[in-house]
Amino acid sequence: MCAAVMALCATAQQKGDMAVGLNLGVAPCLEKSSSVTNFGLGAKFQYNLTNPIRLEAALDYGFKAKGSDALTLGVNAHYLFKVTDKINVYPLVGLGYAHVKAGFEPSEDADTSFDHIPGYAEFEDDEDYGGNGSANKFFFNVGAGAEYALNSKLSVGAEIKYQYIKNFNRLPISIGVTYKF
């Protein structure tokens, strides 16, 4: 039984391994008052602190949708479980910082408010720029991921996270590729 548990926790990743990667994804907002879903692009750097524990720094940009876009910078911790020689799965937990922009193009009959944006009262309204505003917020996320090693250097993977951002909770789902060096 002990050998089985040890085998489950062992991974192909070794202490000190590093990787860089790119992600494509979608991040729907989970607030009841919003239907904003941002498509995004991200970059990440991974470092294996120990054999099963990996740290990741990630920068993601959610492209503008319904007048809202987001830039997030986060740090995540992964605990890697080896399923097969080529497949790892992992739970993750992380913290980060988000810069969320919201706005609208002014017109004579436009609703000139942020009512369609979750947490709109927190955005700083800039009257000189057509009613655009922004908010800076810290976030916490939890989730899970899986990766498949194409060879000793390249892996493909997928992740899903619940990202708690005050008045702007999201569910980022992404696919990506990493290169280990």
Protein backbone atom coordinates (compact mmCIF):
# COMPACT_ATOMS: atom_id res chain seq x y z
CA MET A 1 0.00 0.00 0.00
CA CYS A 2 2.84 2.42 0.86
CA ALA A 3 4.52 1.68 -2.48
CA ALA A 4 1.28 2.43 -4.32
CA VAL A 5 0.90 5.79 -2.55
CA MET A 6 4.54 6.69 -3.25
CA ALA A 7 4.14 5.74 -6.92
CA LEU A 8 1.05 7.93 -7.19
CA CYS A 9 2.90 10.96 -5.82
CA ALA A 10 6.02 10.47 -7.95
CA THR A 11 6.16 12.54 -11.11
CA ALA A 12 8.26 12.89 -14.22
CA GLN A 13 8.94 16.43 -13.05
CA GLN A 14 12.09 16.74 -10.97
CA LYS A 15 13.16 19.32 -8.42
CA GLY A 16 14.64 22.32 -10.24
CA ASP A 17 12.90 21.69 -13.58
CA MET A 18 11.75 24.87 -15.32
CA ALA A 19 9.29 25.46 -18.15
CA VAL A 20 7.69 28.32 -20.06
CA GLY A 21 4.35 28.20 -21.78
CA LEU A 22 1.43 29.86 -23.53
CA ASN A 23 -2.30 29.50 -22.83
CA LEU A 24 -5.50 30.22 -24.73
CA GLY A 25 -8.72 30.36 -22.80
CA VAL A 26 -12.06 31.76 -21.88
CA ALA A 27 -13.07 33.37 -18.58
CA PRO A 28 -16.80 33.82 -18.01
CA CYS A 29 -17.81 36.17 -15.21
CA LEU A 30 -19.93 34.36 -12.59
CA GLU A 31 -21.73 37.42 -11.19
CA LYS A 32 -25.53 37.30 -11.60
CA SER A 33 -25.63 40.82 -13.03
CA SER A 34 -23.12 40.12 -15.82
CA SER A 35 -22.78 38.04 -18.95
CA VAL A 36 -19.20 39.16 -19.70
CA THR A 37 -17.00 36.37 -21.08
CA ASN A 38 -13.44 37.30 -22.01
CA PHE A 39 -11.36 35.23 -24.40
CA GLY A 40 -7.76 35.33 -23.30
CA LEU A 41 -4.10 34.76 -23.97
CA GLY A 42 -1.54 34.02 -21.28
CA ALA A 43 2.09 33.29 -20.58
CA LYS A 44 3.52 31.30 -17.69
CA PHE A 45 6.79 30.29 -16.07
CA GLN A 46 6.95 27.10 -13.99
CA TYR A 47 9.54 25.95 -11.46
CA ASN A 48 9.53 22.61 -9.62
CA LEU A 49 10.25 23.48 -6.00
CA THR A 50 10.25 19.78 -5.04
CA ASN A 51 9.41 16.70 -7.09
CA PRO A 52 5.61 16.97 -6.59
CA ILE A 53 5.31 20.72 -5.85
CA ARG A 54 5.51 23.22 -8.71
CA LEU A 55 5.21 27.01 -8.55
CA GLU A 56 3.89 28.99 -11.49
CA ALA A 57 3.94 32.70 -12.32
CA ALA A 58 1.25 33.60 -14.85
CA LEU A 59 0.29 36.72 -16.80
CA ASP A 60 -3.09 36.58 -18.58
CA TYR A 61 -4.98 39.10 -20.68
CA GLY A 62 -8.74 38.80 -21.23
CA PHE A 63 -9.64 40.58 -24.47
CA LYS A 64 -12.39 43.21 -24.42
CA ALA A 65 -15.94 41.87 -24.33
CA LYS A 66 -19.01 44.02 -23.69
CA GLY A 67 -16.73 46.92 -22.78
CA SER A 68 -14.72 44.97 -20.19
CA ASP A 69 -11.21 43.54 -20.30
CA ALA A 70 -8.86 42.21 -17.62
CA LEU A 71 -5.14 41.80 -17.05
CA THR A 72 -4.14 39.39 -14.26
CA LEU A 73 -0.79 38.56 -12.71
CA GLY A 74 -0.82 35.53 -10.45
CA VAL A 75 1.26 32.95 -8.62
CA ASN A 76 -0.06 29.39 -8.38
CA ALA A 77 1.10 26.26 -6.57
CA HIS A 78 0.49 22.85 -8.17
CA TYR A 79 0.76 19.45 -6.48
CA LEU A 80 1.56 16.98 -9.27
CA PHE A 81 0.17 13.42 -9.33
CA LYS A 82 1.60 11.05 -11.92
CA VAL A 83 -1.22 9.08 -13.58
CA THR A 84 0.93 7.47 -16.30
CA ASP A 85 4.43 8.11 -17.66
CA LYS A 86 3.00 10.89 -19.82
CA ILE A 87 0.03 12.24 -17.81
CA ASN A 88 0.06 14.40 -14.68
CA VAL A 89 -2.97 15.84 -12.89
CA TYR A 90 -2.83 18.50 -10.20
CA PRO A 91 -4.91 20.61 -7.87
CA LEU A 92 -3.86 24.25 -7.74
CA VAL A 93 -4.21 27.23 -5.46
CA GLY A 94 -3.06 30.78 -6.13
CA LEU A 95 -3.08 34.50 -5.41
CA GLY A 96 -2.82 37.44 -7.72
CA TYR A 97 -3.61 40.94 -8.82
CA ALA A 98 -6.16 41.96 -11.46
CA HIS A 99 -6.57 45.20 -13.38
CA VAL A 100 -10.11 45.27 -14.77
CA LYS A 101 -11.24 47.94 -17.24
CA ALA A 102 -14.82 48.70 -18.12
CA GLY A 103 -16.37 51.24 -20.37
CA PHE A 104 -18.67 52.21 -23.17
CA GLU A 105 -18.59 54.41 -26.21
CA PRO A 106 -20.69 57.53 -25.63
CA SER A 107 -23.70 58.23 -27.83
CA GLU A 108 -26.78 60.39 -27.46
CA ASP A 109 -29.07 57.51 -26.48
CA ALA A 110 -26.47 55.39 -24.64
CA ASP A 111 -26.89 54.26 -21.05
CA THR A 112 -23.93 56.15 -19.58
CA SER A 113 -23.44 53.99 -16.52
CA PHE A 114 -21.47 50.94 -15.50
CA ASP A 115 -24.62 49.11 -14.37
CA HIS A 116 -23.89 46.22 -16.77
CA ILE A 117 -20.48 45.62 -15.15
CA PRO A 118 -20.25 43.67 -11.86
CA GLY A 119 -19.03 45.87 -9.02
CA TYR A 120 -19.48 48.95 -11.21
CA ALA A 121 -19.56 51.27 -8.19
CA GLU A 122 -15.87 50.53 -7.65
CA PHE A 123 -14.77 51.72 -11.09
CA GLU A 124 -13.31 55.18 -11.36
CA ASP A 125 -15.36 57.05 -13.96
CA ASP A 126 -13.32 59.14 -16.38
CA GLU A 127 -15.76 61.56 -18.05
CA ASP A 128 -13.08 62.83 -20.46
CA TYR A 129 -12.63 59.42 -22.02
CA GLY A 130 -16.18 58.40 -22.79
CA GLY A 131 -17.10 56.96 -19.41
CA ASN A 132 -14.33 54.39 -19.18
CA GLY A 133 -13.03 53.28 -15.81
CA SER A 134 -10.85 50.70 -14.13
CA ALA A 135 -10.41 48.87 -10.86
CA ASN A 136 -7.42 47.12 -9.32
CA LYS A 137 -8.23 44.06 -7.22
CA PHE A 138 -6.48 41.18 -5.50
CA PHE A 139 -7.77 37.67 -6.21
CA PHE A 140 -7.62 34.12 -4.92
CA ASN A 141 -8.11 31.04 -7.08
CA VAL A 142 -8.47 27.28 -6.72
CA GLY A 143 -8.71 24.73 -9.47
CA ALA A 144 -7.33 21.69 -11.20
CA GLY A 145 -5.34 20.83 -14.28
CA ALA A 146 -3.91 18.01 -16.33
CA GLU A 147 -0.95 17.78 -18.67
CA TYR A 148 0.20 15.31 -21.30
CA ALA A 149 3.90 15.03 -22.23
CA LEU A 150 4.31 14.94 -26.01
CA ASN A 151 8.03 14.30 -25.51
CA SER A 152 10.70 15.10 -22.90
CA LYS A 153 10.48 18.86 -23.61
CA LEU A 154 6.90 19.63 -24.78
CA SER A 155 3.63 19.17 -22.89
CA VAL A 156 0.04 20.15 -23.60
CA GLY A 157 -2.49 20.72 -20.87
CA ALA A 158 -5.79 22.09 -19.66
CA GLU A 159 -6.86 23.94 -16.50
CA ILE A 160 -10.01 25.17 -14.85
CA LYS A 161 -10.02 27.60 -11.93
CA TYR A 162 -12.52 29.40 -9.76
CA GLN A 163 -11.14 32.92 -9.44
CA TYR A 164 -12.52 34.99 -6.58
CA ILE A 165 -12.23 38.71 -7.39
CA LYS A 166 -14.49 40.95 -5.33
CA ASN A 167 -17.61 41.68 -7.45
CA PHE A 168 -15.99 40.03 -10.50
CA ASN A 169 -15.73 36.26 -9.80
CA ARG A 170 -14.68 34.29 -12.88
CA LEU A 171 -14.16 30.73 -14.10
CA PRO A 172 -11.04 30.73 -16.32
CA ILE A 173 -10.76 27.62 -18.52
CA SER A 174 -7.62 27.27 -20.62
CA ILE A 175 -5.59 24.99 -22.84
CA GLY A 176 -1.89 25.45 -23.35
CA VAL A 177 1.54 24.22 -24.25
CA THR A 178 4.74 24.28 -22.17
CA TYR A 179 8.39 23.85 -23.08
CA LYS A 180 10.67 22.40 -20.39
CA PHE A 181 14.31 23.47 -20.32
